[in-house]
Amino acid sequence: MNRSRPSLQKRDREKSKREKQQQKIARRSEVKTRRPNSPGAGEGDPDLAGIVAGPQAKPWDDEDPVEDKT
């Protein structure tokens, strides 16, 4: 039984596959380290920042109330 050596093309394909896998691992680790440090992480929706649970002030009640002078 003769075993042939892998061709150069196969060796190149396997090498590029390993390189891509290493780049993918590096990219994933970079995202993991960057994610906790990013602004807004864990703060929730920035559109809802400052809103307190419970009854909200009515937007049309911004003016001073009119008092009766009788």
N, C-alpha and C. Protein backbone atom coordinates (compact mmCIF):
# COMPACT_ATOMS: atom_id res chain seq x y z
N MET A 1 0.82 -1.18 0.00
CA MET A 1 0.00 0.00 0.00
C MET A 1 0.87 1.25 0.00
N ASN A 2 0.70 2.03 -0.99
CA ASN A 2 1.45 3.27 -1.08
C ASN A 2 0.62 4.42 -0.54
N ARG A 3 1.21 5.18 0.32
CA ARG A 3 0.52 6.37 0.82
C ARG A 3 1.15 7.58 0.16
N SER A 4 0.31 8.37 -0.42
CA SER A 4 0.84 9.57 -1.05
C SER A 4 0.86 10.71 -0.05
N ARG A 5 1.80 11.60 -0.25
CA ARG A 5 1.89 12.77 0.62
C ARG A 5 0.81 13.77 0.22
N PRO A 6 0.34 14.54 1.19
CA PRO A 6 -0.66 15.54 0.83
C PRO A 6 -0.09 16.53 -0.17
N SER A 7 -0.94 16.93 -1.05
CA SER A 7 -0.47 17.85 -2.08
C SER A 7 -0.22 19.23 -1.48
N LEU A 8 0.50 20.02 -2.22
CA LEU A 8 0.80 21.36 -1.76
C LEU A 8 -0.47 22.20 -1.64
N GLN A 9 -1.43 21.96 -2.52
CA GLN A 9 -2.69 22.70 -2.47
C GLN A 9 -3.44 22.40 -1.18
N LYS A 10 -3.46 21.13 -0.81
CA LYS A 10 -4.15 20.75 0.42
C LYS A 10 -3.43 21.37 1.62
N ARG A 11 -2.14 21.36 1.61
CA ARG A 11 -1.36 21.95 2.70
C ARG A 11 -1.66 23.45 2.82
N ASP A 12 -1.75 24.13 1.68
CA ASP A 12 -2.07 25.55 1.68
C ASP A 12 -3.49 25.80 2.20
N ARG A 13 -4.42 24.97 1.79
CA ARG A 13 -5.81 25.11 2.28
C ARG A 13 -5.88 24.92 3.79
N GLU A 14 -5.19 23.92 4.29
CA GLU A 14 -5.20 23.67 5.73
C GLU A 14 -4.52 24.81 6.49
N LYS A 15 -3.47 25.36 5.93
CA LYS A 15 -2.77 26.47 6.56
C LYS A 15 -3.68 27.70 6.62
N SER A 16 -4.37 28.00 5.53
CA SER A 16 -5.27 29.16 5.52
C SER A 16 -6.45 28.92 6.47
N LYS A 17 -6.89 27.69 6.58
CA LYS A 17 -7.98 27.37 7.51
C LYS A 17 -7.55 27.61 8.95
N ARG A 18 -6.33 27.19 9.30
CA ARG A 18 -5.81 27.42 10.65
C ARG A 18 -5.66 28.92 10.93
N GLU A 19 -5.16 29.66 9.93
CA GLU A 19 -4.99 31.11 10.10
C GLU A 19 -6.33 31.80 10.32
N LYS A 20 -7.33 31.43 9.55
CA LYS A 20 -8.66 32.01 9.71
C LYS A 20 -9.23 31.69 11.09
N GLN A 21 -9.00 30.48 11.55
CA GLN A 21 -9.50 30.08 12.87
C GLN A 21 -8.82 30.90 13.97
N GLN A 22 -7.51 31.13 13.83
CA GLN A 22 -6.78 31.93 14.81
C GLN A 22 -7.28 33.38 14.80
N GLN A 23 -7.56 33.93 13.62
CA GLN A 23 -8.09 35.29 13.52
C GLN A 23 -9.47 35.37 14.17
N LYS A 24 -10.26 34.35 13.98
CA LYS A 24 -11.60 34.30 14.56
C LYS A 24 -11.52 34.26 16.09
N ILE A 25 -10.61 33.47 16.62
CA ILE A 25 -10.44 33.38 18.07
C ILE A 25 -9.97 34.72 18.62
N ALA A 26 -9.03 35.36 17.93
CA ALA A 26 -8.53 36.67 18.38
C ALA A 26 -9.65 37.71 18.34
N ARG A 27 -10.46 37.70 17.31
CA ARG A 27 -11.57 38.65 17.18
C ARG A 27 -12.59 38.45 18.29
N ARG A 28 -12.89 37.20 18.60
CA ARG A 28 -13.85 36.90 19.67
C ARG A 28 -13.33 37.37 21.03
N SER A 29 -12.04 37.13 21.30
CA SER A 29 -11.49 37.55 22.59
C SER A 29 -11.46 39.07 22.69
N GLU A 30 -11.20 39.75 21.57
CA GLU A 30 -11.19 41.21 21.56
C GLU A 30 -12.58 41.76 21.86
N VAL A 31 -13.60 41.15 21.30
CA VAL A 31 -14.97 41.59 21.55
C VAL A 31 -15.35 41.36 23.01
N LYS A 32 -14.91 40.24 23.57
CA LYS A 32 -15.21 39.96 24.98
C LYS A 32 -14.58 40.98 25.91
N THR A 33 -13.35 41.41 25.60
CA THR A 33 -12.69 42.39 26.46
C THR A 33 -13.25 43.79 26.23
N ARG A 34 -13.70 44.08 25.03
CA ARG A 34 -14.22 45.41 24.71
C ARG A 34 -15.65 45.59 25.22
N ARG A 35 -16.44 44.55 25.24
CA ARG A 35 -17.86 44.65 25.58
C ARG A 35 -18.12 45.22 26.97
N PRO A 36 -17.48 44.76 28.04
CA PRO A 36 -17.76 45.37 29.35
C PRO A 36 -17.27 46.80 29.47
N ASN A 37 -16.31 47.21 28.67
CA ASN A 37 -15.75 48.56 28.76
C ASN A 37 -16.48 49.55 27.87
N SER A 38 -17.38 49.08 27.03
CA SER A 38 -18.04 49.99 26.10
C SER A 38 -19.05 50.87 26.83
N PRO A 39 -19.22 52.11 26.38
CA PRO A 39 -20.19 52.99 27.05
C PRO A 39 -21.61 52.48 26.84
N GLY A 40 -22.39 52.56 27.87
CA GLY A 40 -23.77 52.10 27.78
C GLY A 40 -23.94 50.63 28.09
N ALA A 41 -22.87 49.94 28.37
CA ALA A 41 -22.98 48.52 28.66
C ALA A 41 -23.63 48.33 30.02
N GLY A 42 -24.71 47.63 30.07
CA GLY A 42 -25.39 47.35 31.32
C GLY A 42 -26.27 48.48 31.81
N GLU A 43 -26.32 49.58 31.09
CA GLU A 43 -27.14 50.70 31.52
C GLU A 43 -28.55 50.63 30.96
N GLY A 44 -28.78 49.75 30.02
CA GLY A 44 -30.10 49.64 29.44
C GLY A 44 -30.25 50.57 28.24
N ASP A 45 -31.47 50.85 27.89
CA ASP A 45 -31.78 51.66 26.72
C ASP A 45 -31.49 53.13 27.02
N PRO A 46 -30.66 53.79 26.22
CA PRO A 46 -30.35 55.19 26.50
C PRO A 46 -31.55 56.12 26.31
N ASP A 47 -32.54 55.68 25.53
CA ASP A 47 -33.75 56.49 25.35
C ASP A 47 -34.57 56.55 26.62
N LEU A 48 -34.41 55.56 27.47
CA LEU A 48 -35.19 55.50 28.70
C LEU A 48 -34.42 56.01 29.91
N ALA A 49 -33.22 56.52 29.70
CA ALA A 49 -32.41 57.01 30.81
C ALA A 49 -33.09 58.20 31.46
N GLY A 50 -33.15 58.19 32.76
CA GLY A 50 -33.74 59.31 33.50
C GLY A 50 -35.21 59.14 33.79
N ILE A 51 -35.84 58.12 33.24
CA ILE A 51 -37.25 57.90 33.50
C ILE A 51 -37.36 57.08 34.78
N VAL A 52 -38.19 57.55 35.68
CA VAL A 52 -38.37 56.88 36.96
C VAL A 52 -39.69 56.11 36.91
N ALA A 53 -39.69 54.94 37.48
CA ALA A 53 -40.91 54.14 37.51
C ALA A 53 -41.96 54.84 38.37
N GLY A 54 -43.19 54.71 37.99
CA GLY A 54 -44.27 55.34 38.74
C GLY A 54 -44.95 56.40 37.91
N PRO A 55 -45.82 57.16 38.54
CA PRO A 55 -46.54 58.19 37.79
C PRO A 55 -45.58 59.25 37.24
N GLN A 56 -45.80 59.62 36.00
CA GLN A 56 -44.97 60.61 35.35
C GLN A 56 -45.70 61.96 35.32
N ALA A 57 -44.94 63.01 35.28
CA ALA A 57 -45.52 64.35 35.19
C ALA A 57 -46.17 64.51 33.82
N LYS A 58 -47.31 65.19 33.79
CA LYS A 58 -48.00 65.41 32.53
C LYS A 58 -47.30 66.55 31.80
N PRO A 59 -47.03 66.39 30.53
CA PRO A 59 -46.29 67.43 29.80
C PRO A 59 -47.07 68.73 29.67
N TRP A 60 -48.40 68.70 29.75
CA TRP A 60 -49.19 69.93 29.62
C TRP A 60 -49.38 70.63 30.95
N ASP A 61 -48.86 70.08 32.04
CA ASP A 61 -48.95 70.72 33.35
C ASP A 61 -47.68 71.52 33.66
N ASP A 62 -46.94 71.90 32.66
CA ASP A 62 -45.71 72.66 32.87
C ASP A 62 -45.98 74.10 33.30
N GLU A 63 -47.13 74.63 32.94
CA GLU A 63 -47.44 76.02 33.24
C GLU A 63 -47.90 76.17 34.68
N ASP A 64 -47.83 77.40 35.19
CA ASP A 64 -48.30 77.68 36.53
C ASP A 64 -49.82 77.53 36.59
N PRO A 65 -50.32 76.97 37.65
CA PRO A 65 -51.78 76.82 37.74
C PRO A 65 -52.44 78.20 37.90
N VAL A 66 -53.60 78.33 37.31
CA VAL A 66 -54.35 79.57 37.39
C VAL A 66 -55.13 79.56 38.69
N GLU A 67 -54.97 80.62 39.48
CA GLU A 67 -55.66 80.67 40.79
C GLU A 67 -56.88 81.56 40.65
N ASP A 68 -57.96 81.18 41.34
CA ASP A 68 -59.18 81.99 41.35
C ASP A 68 -58.99 83.13 42.35
N LYS A 69 -59.30 84.35 41.94
CA LYS A 69 -59.18 85.49 42.82
C LYS A 69 -60.57 86.01 43.15
N THR A 70 -61.32 85.23 43.82
CA THR A 70 -62.66 85.67 44.22
C THR A 70 -62.75 85.99 45.66
